């Protein structure tokens, strides 16, 4: 199954230009499998593989990302919260 996924990934990534692949490797935007497939494609094209950021899987949970969003965008968070409360009030008024 992993081989089929890697074949699909290979076909998709091989459509990209070498420069874009190098940018993705350098920025660390790829999964571990994506990194391996991209390195294979770049090697086949004779393009040197750029130095990349170390691969670190995202272990951040939903509530951690929600806390970070609220800290980074407090005004937008208040707007979203007030809109959500208004919608819930209207739904509850129609039900009861």
Protein backbone atom coordinates (compact mmCIF):
# COMPACT_ATOMS: atom_id res chain seq x y z
CA UNK A 1 0.00 0.00 0.00
CA UNK A 2 2.84 2.38 0.87
CA UNK A 3 4.42 1.62 -2.50
CA UNK A 4 1.23 2.68 -4.31
CA UNK A 5 1.06 5.91 -2.29
CA UNK A 6 4.72 6.61 -3.07
CA UNK A 7 4.09 5.98 -6.78
CA UNK A 8 1.24 8.49 -6.72
CA UNK A 9 3.41 10.93 -4.79
CA UNK A 10 6.24 10.38 -7.27
CA UNK A 11 3.96 11.15 -10.22
CA UNK A 12 2.59 14.30 -8.57
CA UNK A 13 5.96 15.64 -7.42
CA UNK A 14 7.68 14.83 -10.70
CA UNK A 15 5.35 17.32 -12.43
CA UNK A 16 6.89 20.18 -10.41
CA UNK A 17 9.95 22.09 -11.56
CA UNK A 18 13.28 21.41 -9.87
CA UNK A 19 13.37 24.90 -8.34
CA UNK A 20 10.03 24.43 -6.62
CA UNK A 21 11.08 21.02 -5.33
CA UNK A 22 14.31 22.51 -3.97
CA UNK A 23 12.33 25.27 -2.23
CA UNK A 24 10.04 22.72 -0.58
CA UNK A 25 13.01 20.66 0.61
CA UNK A 26 14.83 23.73 1.94
CA UNK A 27 11.73 25.02 3.77
CA UNK A 28 10.95 21.63 5.31
CA UNK A 29 7.45 21.60 3.81
CA UNK A 30 7.45 17.88 2.97
CA UNK A 31 6.53 14.81 4.95
CA UNK A 32 9.22 12.21 5.51
CA UNK A 33 7.99 10.15 2.54
CA UNK A 34 7.66 13.29 0.43
CA UNK A 35 11.23 14.22 1.28
CA UNK A 36 12.52 10.81 0.19
CA UNK A 37 10.59 10.89 -3.09
CA UNK A 38 11.67 14.47 -3.81
CA UNK A 39 15.32 13.60 -3.18
CA UNK A 40 14.96 10.68 -5.59
CA UNK A 41 13.48 12.97 -8.27
CA UNK A 42 16.17 15.61 -7.80
CA UNK A 43 18.91 12.96 -7.95
CA UNK A 44 17.45 11.60 -11.21
CA UNK A 45 17.47 15.12 -12.65
CA UNK A 46 21.05 15.70 -11.54
CA UNK A 47 20.07 18.58 -9.26
CA UNK A 48 21.95 18.92 -5.96
CA UNK A 49 19.71 18.40 -2.93
CA UNK A 50 19.55 21.59 -0.84
CA UNK A 51 20.15 21.65 2.89
CA UNK A 52 16.83 21.39 4.65
CA UNK A 53 15.44 22.15 8.05
CA UNK A 54 15.41 19.06 10.25
CA UNK A 55 12.25 17.03 9.89
CA UNK A 56 10.03 17.50 12.93
CA UNK A 57 6.55 16.02 12.87
CA UNK A 58 3.83 18.28 14.18
CA UNK A 59 2.78 16.95 17.58
CA UNK A 60 0.67 19.99 18.41
CA UNK A 61 -2.85 19.09 19.46
CA UNK A 62 -6.05 20.87 18.49
CA UNK A 63 -6.32 22.83 21.73
CA UNK A 64 -2.65 23.84 21.56
CA UNK A 65 -3.17 25.26 18.09
CA UNK A 66 -6.38 26.95 19.26
CA UNK A 67 -4.52 28.61 22.16
CA UNK A 68 -1.81 29.79 19.79
CA UNK A 69 -4.43 31.20 17.39
CA UNK A 70 -6.13 33.11 20.23
CA UNK A 71 -2.81 34.54 21.43
CA UNK A 72 -1.74 35.59 17.93
CA UNK A 73 -5.13 37.00 16.87
CA UNK A 74 -7.14 38.11 19.92
CA UNK A 75 -9.40 40.56 18.05
CA UNK A 76 -10.33 38.04 15.36
CA UNK A 77 -10.91 35.43 18.07
CA UNK A 78 -13.43 37.74 19.80
CA UNK A 79 -15.27 38.33 16.53
CA UNK A 80 -15.46 34.60 15.83
CA UNK A 81 -16.58 33.86 19.40
CA UNK A 82 -19.31 36.52 19.37
CA UNK A 83 -20.57 35.31 15.99
CA UNK A 84 -20.67 31.73 17.24
CA UNK A 85 -22.58 32.75 20.37
CA UNK A 86 -25.10 34.71 18.29
CA UNK A 87 -25.70 31.74 15.99
CA UNK A 88 -26.10 29.36 18.93
CA UNK A 89 -28.58 31.74 20.59
CA UNK A 90 -30.71 31.87 17.45
CA UNK A 91 -30.67 28.09 17.08
CA UNK A 92 -31.67 27.59 20.71
CA UNK A 93 -34.45 30.21 20.45
CA UNK A 94 -35.98 28.37 17.50
CA UNK A 95 -35.76 25.02 19.25
CA UNK A 96 -37.32 26.15 22.53
